[in-house]
Amino acid sequence: MVNVNTDNLENALSSSEPKKQSEQPKMSKETEIGFHQGALNTLVAERNELFKMIQNVEAIMQMHIKRLEELGVKIPKKE
């Protein structure tokens, strides 16, 4: 199981024994900025694809609901 440390981004995904600062590889500021920007770009693309998937699932569900109602099945609406 992965432990998530929400207080410290550098140690967010760590094993049960956190590494000492001296054991962690050092990155230049520019490299670290690029790393985080790349991660955000990837996550934004993943979020957009997830949103498209949710839209597709919702459309298919609505088609099934509509057909069930045409067949006389009452579908309770959640508020």
PDB file of N, CA and C in Angstrom:
ATOM      1  N   MET A   1       0.848  -1.183   0.000  1.00  0.00           N
ATOM      2  CA  MET A   1       0.000   0.000   0.000  1.00  0.00           C
ATOM      3  C   MET A   1       0.888   1.239   0.000  1.00  0.00           C
ATOM      4  N   VAL A   2       0.456   2.278  -0.720  1.00  0.00           N
ATOM      5  CA  VAL A   2       1.221   3.506  -0.827  1.00  0.00           C
ATOM      6  C   VAL A   2       0.712   4.504   0.192  1.00  0.00           C
ATOM      7  N   ASN A   3       1.639   5.089   0.940  1.00  0.00           N
ATOM      8  CA  ASN A   3       1.273   6.138   1.887  1.00  0.00           C
ATOM      9  C   ASN A   3       1.329   7.470   1.169  1.00  0.00           C
ATOM     10  N   VAL A   4       0.318   8.310   1.346  1.00  0.00           N
ATOM     11  CA  VAL A   4       0.284   9.619   0.714  1.00  0.00           C
ATOM     12  C   VAL A   4       0.438  10.679   1.789  1.00  0.00           C
ATOM     13  N   ASN A   5       1.483  11.484   1.658  1.00  0.00           N
ATOM     14  CA  ASN A   5       1.747  12.569   2.587  1.00  0.00           C
ATOM     15  C   ASN A   5       1.262  13.853   1.928  1.00  0.00           C
ATOM     16  N   THR A   6       0.098  14.344   2.342  1.00  0.00           N
ATOM     17  CA  THR A   6      -0.468  15.534   1.718  1.00  0.00           C
ATOM     18  C   THR A   6       0.180  16.820   2.212  1.00  0.00           C
ATOM     19  N   ASP A   7       1.020  16.752   3.211  1.00  0.00           N
ATOM     20  CA  ASP A   7       1.673  17.947   3.745  1.00  0.00           C
ATOM     21  C   ASP A   7       2.922  18.328   2.969  1.00  0.00           C
ATOM     22  N   ASN A   8       3.504  17.385   2.246  1.00  0.00           N
ATOM     23  CA  ASN A   8       4.778  17.655   1.598  1.00  0.00           C
ATOM     24  C   ASN A   8       4.777  17.014   0.220  1.00  0.00           C
ATOM     25  N   LEU A   9       4.704  17.824  -0.836  1.00  0.00           N
ATOM     26  CA  LEU A   9       4.595  17.312  -2.202  1.00  0.00           C
ATOM     27  C   LEU A   9       5.775  16.428  -2.574  1.00  0.00           C
ATOM     28  N   GLU A  10       6.961  16.793  -2.155  1.00  0.00           N
ATOM     29  CA  GLU A  10       8.143  16.020  -2.500  1.00  0.00           C
ATOM     30  C   GLU A  10       8.092  14.607  -1.928  1.00  0.00           C
ATOM     31  N   ASN A  11       7.447  14.444  -0.783  1.00  0.00           N
ATOM     32  CA  ASN A  11       7.353  13.143  -0.136  1.00  0.00           C
ATOM     33  C   ASN A  11       5.937  12.573  -0.200  1.00  0.00           C
ATOM     34  N   ALA A  12       5.112  13.060  -1.129  1.00  0.00           N
ATOM     35  CA  ALA A  12       3.699  12.677  -1.182  1.00  0.00           C
ATOM     36  C   ALA A  12       3.517  11.179  -1.360  1.00  0.00           C
ATOM     37  N   LEU A  13       4.291  10.573  -2.235  1.00  0.00           N
ATOM     38  CA  LEU A  13       4.185   9.133  -2.453  1.00  0.00           C
ATOM     39  C   LEU A  13       5.459   8.487  -1.938  1.00  0.00           C
ATOM     40  N   SER A  14       5.390   7.988  -0.732  1.00  0.00           N
ATOM     41  CA  SER A  14       6.588   7.424  -0.128  1.00  0.00           C
ATOM     42  C   SER A  14       6.298   6.030   0.383  1.00  0.00           C
ATOM     43  N   SER A  15       7.345   5.288   0.583  1.00  0.00           N
ATOM     44  CA  SER A  15       7.184   3.980   1.208  1.00  0.00           C
ATOM     45  C   SER A  15       6.935   4.188   2.692  1.00  0.00           C
ATOM     46  N   SER A  16       6.844   3.113   3.439  1.00  0.00           N
ATOM     47  CA  SER A  16       6.577   3.251   4.868  1.00  0.00           C
ATOM     48  C   SER A  16       7.736   3.946   5.584  1.00  0.00           C
ATOM     49  N   GLU A  17       8.935   3.858   5.017  1.00  0.00           N
ATOM     50  CA  GLU A  17      10.079   4.572   5.583  1.00  0.00           C
ATOM     51  C   GLU A  17      10.456   5.713   4.658  1.00  0.00           C
ATOM     52  N   PRO A  18      10.241   6.968   5.066  1.00  0.00           N
ATOM     53  CA  PRO A  18      10.591   8.081   4.193  1.00  0.00           C
ATOM     54  C   PRO A  18      12.102   8.176   3.995  1.00  0.00           C
ATOM     55  N   LYS A  19      12.502   8.558   2.787  1.00  0.00           N
ATOM     56  CA  LYS A  19      13.927   8.719   2.494  1.00  0.00           C
ATOM     57  C   LYS A  19      14.443   9.979   3.163  1.00  0.00           C
ATOM     58  N   LYS A  20      15.708   9.943   3.518  1.00  0.00           N
ATOM     59  CA  LYS A  20      16.333  11.132   4.068  1.00  0.00           C
ATOM     60  C   LYS A  20      16.580  12.113   2.929  1.00  0.00           C
ATOM     61  N   GLN A  21      16.602  13.396   3.250  1.00  0.00           N
ATOM     62  CA  GLN A  21      16.810  14.423   2.225  1.00  0.00           C
ATOM     63  C   GLN A  21      18.092  14.179   1.432  1.00  0.00           C
ATOM     64  N   SER A  22      19.136  13.709   2.081  1.00  0.00           N
ATOM     65  CA  SER A  22      20.409  13.516   1.391  1.00  0.00           C
ATOM     66  C   SER A  22      20.354  12.361   0.398  1.00  0.00           C
ATOM     67  N   GLU A  23      19.413  11.405   0.578  1.00  0.00           N
ATOM     68  CA  GLU A  23      19.295  10.256  -0.313  1.00  0.00           C
ATOM     69  C   GLU A  23      18.488  10.577  -1.570  1.00  0.00           C
ATOM     70  N   GLN A  24      17.697  11.648  -1.548  1.00  0.00           N
ATOM     71  CA  GLN A  24      16.845  11.981  -2.682  1.00  0.00           C
ATOM     72  C   GLN A  24      17.654  12.697  -3.759  1.00  0.00           C
ATOM     73  N   PRO A  25      17.411  12.346  -5.039  1.00  0.00           N
ATOM     74  CA  PRO A  25      18.142  13.024  -6.110  1.00  0.00           C
ATOM     75  C   PRO A  25      17.722  14.487  -6.187  1.00  0.00           C
ATOM     76  N   LYS A  26      18.679  15.351  -6.485  1.00  0.00           N
ATOM     77  CA  LYS A  26      18.422  16.792  -6.573  1.00  0.00           C
ATOM     78  C   LYS A  26      18.107  17.156  -8.015  1.00  0.00           C
ATOM     79  N   MET A  27      17.135  18.047  -8.203  1.00  0.00           N
ATOM     80  CA  MET A  27      16.777  18.558  -9.517  1.00  0.00           C
ATOM     81  C   MET A  27      17.004  20.055  -9.525  1.00  0.00           C
ATOM     82  N   SER A  28      17.369  20.574 -10.684  1.00  0.00           N
ATOM     83  CA  SER A  28      17.458  22.026 -10.782  1.00  0.00           C
ATOM     84  C   SER A  28      16.043  22.588 -10.734  1.00  0.00           C
ATOM     85  N   LYS A  29      15.927  23.855 -10.408  1.00  0.00           N
ATOM     86  CA  LYS A  29      14.614  24.480 -10.309  1.00  0.00           C
ATOM     87  C   LYS A  29      13.883  24.389 -11.649  1.00  0.00           C
ATOM     88  N   GLU A  30      14.600  24.643 -12.747  1.00  0.00           N
ATOM     89  CA  GLU A  30      13.982  24.592 -14.074  1.00  0.00           C
ATOM     90  C   GLU A  30      13.491  23.186 -14.407  1.00  0.00           C
ATOM     91  N   THR A  31      14.266  22.170 -14.038  1.00  0.00           N
ATOM     92  CA  THR A  31      13.869  20.790 -14.282  1.00  0.00           C
ATOM     93  C   THR A  31      12.631  20.442 -13.472  1.00  0.00           C
ATOM     94  N   GLU A  32      12.602  20.868 -12.221  1.00  0.00           N
ATOM     95  CA  GLU A  32      11.449  20.578 -11.369  1.00  0.00           C
ATOM     96  C   GLU A  32      10.197  21.293 -11.877  1.00  0.00           C
ATOM     97  N   ILE A  33      10.353  22.540 -12.323  1.00  0.00           N
ATOM     98  CA  ILE A  33       9.218  23.278 -12.893  1.00  0.00           C
ATOM     99  C   ILE A  33       8.688  22.542 -14.119  1.00  0.00           C
ATOM    100  N   GLY A  34       9.587  22.098 -14.993  1.00  0.00           N
ATOM    101  CA  GLY A  34       9.187  21.355 -16.186  1.00  0.00           C
ATOM    102  C   GLY A  34       8.480  20.060 -15.830  1.00  0.00           C
ATOM    103  N   PHE A  35       8.994  19.378 -14.819  1.00  0.00           N
ATOM    104  CA  PHE A  35       8.381  18.127 -14.357  1.00  0.00           C
ATOM    105  C   PHE A  35       6.943  18.357 -13.916  1.00  0.00           C
ATOM    106  N   HIS A  36       6.728  19.379 -13.079  1.00  0.00           N
ATOM    107  CA  HIS A  36       5.385  19.655 -12.566  1.00  0.00           C
ATOM    108  C   HIS A  36       4.455  20.151 -13.673  1.00  0.00           C
ATOM    109  N   GLN A  37       4.979  20.963 -14.592  1.00  0.00           N
ATOM    110  CA  GLN A  37       4.154  21.424 -15.711  1.00  0.00           C
ATOM    111  C   GLN A  37       3.746  20.249 -16.589  1.00  0.00           C
ATOM    112  N   GLY A  38       4.661  19.349 -16.849  1.00  0.00           N
ATOM    113  CA  GLY A  38       4.350  18.164 -17.641  1.00  0.00           C
ATOM    114  C   GLY A  38       3.320  17.287 -16.956  1.00  0.00           C
ATOM    115  N   ALA A  39       3.464  17.127 -15.646  1.00  0.00           N
ATOM    116  CA  ALA A  39       2.501  16.332 -14.890  1.00  0.00           C
ATOM    117  C   ALA A  39       1.119  16.963 -14.961  1.00  0.00           C
ATOM    118  N   LEU A  40       1.044  18.278 -14.817  1.00  0.00           N
ATOM    119  CA  LEU A  40      -0.255  18.956 -14.898  1.00  0.00           C
ATOM    120  C   LEU A  40      -0.870  18.827 -16.283  1.00  0.00           C
ATOM    121  N   ASN A  41      -0.054  18.957 -17.327  1.00  0.00           N
ATOM    122  CA  ASN A  41      -0.576  18.794 -18.688  1.00  0.00           C
ATOM    123  C   ASN A  41      -1.146  17.399 -18.890  1.00  0.00           C
ATOM    124  N   THR A  42      -0.453  16.401 -18.395  1.00  0.00           N
ATOM    125  CA  THR A  42      -0.927  15.022 -18.499  1.00  0.00           C
ATOM    126  C   THR A  42      -2.223  14.835 -17.729  1.00  0.00           C
ATOM    127  N   LEU A  43      -2.277  15.364 -16.519  1.00  0.00           N
ATOM    128  CA  LEU A  43      -3.476  15.217 -15.689  1.00  0.00           C
ATOM    129  C   LEU A  43      -4.675  15.954 -16.278  1.00  0.00           C
ATOM    130  N   VAL A  44      -4.450  17.113 -16.878  1.00  0.00           N
ATOM    131  CA  VAL A  44      -5.546  17.843 -17.527  1.00  0.00           C
ATOM    132  C   VAL A  44      -6.098  17.024 -18.687  1.00  0.00           C
ATOM    133  N   ALA A  45      -5.212  16.436 -19.483  1.00  0.00           N
ATOM    134  CA  ALA A  45      -5.657  15.599 -20.601  1.00  0.00           C
ATOM    135  C   ALA A  45      -6.429  14.386 -20.087  1.00  0.00           C
ATOM    136  N   GLU A  46      -5.950  13.758 -19.019  1.00  0.00           N
ATOM    137  CA  GLU A  46      -6.651  12.614 -18.432  1.00  0.00           C
ATOM    138  C   GLU A  46      -8.021  13.024 -17.904  1.00  0.00           C
ATOM    139  N   ARG A  47      -8.097  14.183 -17.246  1.00  0.00           N
ATOM    140  CA  ARG A  47      -9.374  14.668 -16.728  1.00  0.00           C
ATOM    141  C   ARG A  47     -10.346  14.915 -17.872  1.00  0.00           C
ATOM    142  N   ASN A  48      -9.873  15.501 -18.972  1.00  0.00           N
ATOM    143  CA  ASN A  48     -10.739  15.758 -20.124  1.00  0.00           C
ATOM    144  C   ASN A  48     -11.267  14.458 -20.716  1.00  0.00           C
ATOM    145  N   GLU A  49     -10.421  13.443 -20.807  1.00  0.00           N
ATOM    146  CA  GLU A  49     -10.867  12.149 -21.326  1.00  0.00           C
ATOM    147  C   GLU A  49     -11.879  11.504 -20.381  1.00  0.00           C
ATOM    148  N   LEU A  50     -11.663  11.635 -19.091  1.00  0.00           N
ATOM    149  CA  LEU A  50     -12.606  11.102 -18.110  1.00  0.00           C
ATOM    150  C   LEU A  50     -13.963  11.794 -18.254  1.00  0.00           C
ATOM    151  N   PHE A  51     -13.945  13.100 -18.463  1.00  0.00           N
ATOM    152  CA  PHE A  51     -15.184  13.849 -18.648  1.00  0.00           C
ATOM    153  C   PHE A  51     -15.930  13.358 -19.889  1.00  0.00           C
ATOM    154  N   LYS A  52     -15.201  13.110 -20.975  1.00  0.00           N
ATOM    155  CA  LYS A  52     -15.833  12.574 -22.193  1.00  0.00           C
ATOM    156  C   LYS A  52     -16.454  11.208 -21.922  1.00  0.00           C
ATOM    157  N   MET A  53     -15.753  10.377 -21.161  1.00  0.00           N
ATOM    158  CA  MET A  53     -16.270   9.055 -20.828  1.00  0.00           C
ATOM    159  C   MET A  53     -17.561   9.177 -20.013  1.00  0.00           C
ATOM    160  N   ILE A  54     -17.578  10.085 -19.057  1.00  0.00           N
ATOM    161  CA  ILE A  54     -18.766  10.291 -18.235  1.00  0.00           C
ATOM    162  C   ILE A  54     -19.929  10.757 -19.109  1.00  0.00           C
ATOM    163  N   GLN A  55     -19.660  11.647 -20.053  1.00  0.00           N
ATOM    164  CA  GLN A  55     -20.717  12.117 -20.952  1.00  0.00           C
ATOM    165  C   GLN A  55     -21.282  10.963 -21.784  1.00  0.00           C
ATOM    166  N   ASN A  56     -20.413  10.093 -22.280  1.00  0.00           N
ATOM    167  CA  ASN A  56     -20.865   8.953 -23.075  1.00  0.00           C
ATOM    168  C   ASN A  56     -21.718   7.997 -22.242  1.00  0.00           C
ATOM    169  N   VAL A  57     -21.269   7.710 -21.030  1.00  0.00           N
ATOM    170  CA  VAL A  57     -22.031   6.820 -20.143  1.00  0.00           C
ATOM    171  C   VAL A  57     -23.391   7.437 -19.845  1.00  0.00           C
ATOM    172  N   GLU A  58     -23.425   8.721 -19.568  1.00  0.00           N
ATOM    173  CA  GLU A  58     -24.688   9.396 -19.273  1.00  0.00           C
ATOM    174  C   GLU A  58     -25.633   9.332 -20.466  1.00  0.00           C
ATOM    175  N   ALA A  59     -25.127   9.555 -21.673  1.00  0.00           N
ATOM    176  CA  ALA A  59     -25.971   9.497 -22.875  1.00  0.00           C
ATOM    177  C   ALA A  59     -26.562   8.101 -23.069  1.00  0.00           C
ATOM    178  N   ILE A  60     -25.749   7.070 -22.860  1.00  0.00           N
ATOM    179  CA  ILE A  60     -26.234   5.699 -23.002  1.00  0.00           C
ATOM    180  C   ILE A  60     -27.276   5.386 -21.935  1.00  0.00           C
ATOM    181  N   MET A  61     -27.025   5.841 -20.707  1.00  0.00           N
ATOM    182  CA  MET A  61     -28.001   5.624 -19.635  1.00  0.00           C
ATOM    183  C   MET A  61     -29.320   6.305 -19.978  1.00  0.00           C
ATOM    184  N   GLN A  62     -29.274   7.510 -20.507  1.00  0.00           N
ATOM    185  CA  GLN A  62     -30.496   8.237 -20.849  1.00  0.00           C
ATOM    186  C   GLN A  62     -31.276   7.515 -21.944  1.00  0.00           C
ATOM    187  N   MET A  63     -30.567   6.915 -22.906  1.00  0.00           N
ATOM    188  CA  MET A  63     -31.251   6.142 -23.949  1.00  0.00           C
ATOM    189  C   MET A  63     -31.970   4.939 -23.350  1.00  0.00           C
ATOM    190  N   HIS A  64     -31.329   4.246 -22.414  1.00  0.00           N
ATOM    191  CA  HIS A  64     -31.957   3.094 -21.762  1.00  0.00           C
ATOM    192  C   HIS A  64     -33.164   3.541 -20.937  1.00  0.00           C
ATOM    193  N   ILE A  65     -33.018   4.636 -20.215  1.00  0.00           N
ATOM    194  CA  ILE A  65     -34.128   5.158 -19.402  1.00  0.00           C
ATOM    195  C   ILE A  65     -35.310   5.525 -20.296  1.00  0.00           C
ATOM    196  N   LYS A  66     -35.007   6.205 -21.390  1.00  0.00           N
ATOM    197  CA  LYS A  66     -36.075   6.608 -22.306  1.00  0.00           C
ATOM    198  C   LYS A  66     -36.816   5.381 -22.844  1.00  0.00           C
ATOM    199  N   ARG A  67     -36.069   4.355 -23.244  1.00  0.00           N
ATOM    200  CA  ARG A  67     -36.708   3.158 -23.800  1.00  0.00           C
ATOM    201  C   ARG A  67     -37.515   2.422 -22.730  1.00  0.00           C
ATOM    202  N   LEU A  68     -36.992   2.342 -21.517  1.00  0.00           N
ATOM    203  CA  LEU A  68     -37.744   1.706 -20.438  1.00  0.00           C
ATOM    204  C   LEU A  68     -39.054   2.438 -20.186  1.00  0.00           C
ATOM    205  N   GLU A  69     -39.008   3.774 -20.201  1.00  0.00           N
ATOM    206  CA  GLU A  69     -40.227   4.550 -19.995  1.00  0.00           C
ATOM    207  C   GLU A  69     -41.211   4.316 -21.138  1.00  0.00           C
ATOM    208  N   GLU A  70     -40.699   4.177 -22.378  1.00  0.00           N
ATOM    209  CA  GLU A  70     -41.566   3.863 -23.516  1.00  0.00           C
ATOM    210  C   GLU A  70     -42.237   2.507 -23.332  1.00  0.00           C
ATOM    211  N   LEU A  71     -41.545   1.602 -22.645  1.00  0.00           N
ATOM    212  CA  LEU A  71     -42.081   0.259 -22.388  1.00  0.00           C
ATOM    213  C   LEU A  71     -42.967   0.217 -21.142  1.00  0.00           C
ATOM    214  N   GLY A  72     -43.164   1.365 -20.500  1.00  0.00           N
ATOM    215  CA  GLY A  72     -44.061   1.444 -19.359  1.00  0.00           C
ATOM    216  C   GLY A  72     -43.404   1.277 -18.001  1.00  0.00           C
ATOM    217  N   VAL A  73     -42.095   1.233 -17.956  1.00  0.00           N
ATOM    218  CA  VAL A  73     -41.391   1.094 -16.680  1.00  0.00           C
ATOM    219  C   VAL A  73     -41.152   2.489 -16.107  1.00  0.00           C
ATOM    220  N   LYS A  74     -41.593   2.689 -14.873  1.00  0.00           N
ATOM    221  CA  LYS A  74     -41.394   3.985 -14.207  1.00  0.00           C
ATOM    222  C   LYS A  74     -40.012   4.004 -13.549  1.00  0.00           C
ATOM    223  N   ILE A  75     -39.248   5.010 -13.877  1.00  0.00           N
ATOM    224  CA  ILE A  75     -37.915   5.195 -13.308  1.00  0.00           C
ATOM    225  C   ILE A  75     -37.991   6.322 -12.302  1.00  0.00           C
ATOM    226  N   PRO A  76     -37.696   6.058 -11.019  1.00  0.00           N
ATOM    227  CA  PRO A  76     -37.745   7.155 -10.040  1.00  0.00           C
ATOM    228  C   PRO A  76     -36.601   8.148 -10.311  1.00  0.00           C
ATOM    229  N   LYS A  77     -36.929   9.416 -10.231  1.00  0.00           N
ATOM    230  CA  LYS A  77     -35.926  10.480 -10.446  1.00  0.00           C
ATOM    231  C   LYS A  77     -35.347  10.893  -9.114  1.00  0.00           C
ATOM    232  N   LYS A  78     -34.032  10.976  -9.052  1.00  0.00           N
ATOM    233  CA  LYS A  78     -33.361  11.436  -7.833  1.00  0.00           C
ATOM    234  C   LYS A  78     -33.315  12.937  -7.821  1.00  0.00           C
ATOM    235  N   GLU A  79     -33.512  13.503  -6.650  1.00  0.00           N
ATOM    236  CA  GLU A  79     -33.480  14.962  -6.528  1.00  0.00           C
ATOM    237  C   GLU A  79     -32.176  15.431  -6.001  1.00  0.00           C
TER     238      GLU A  79
END
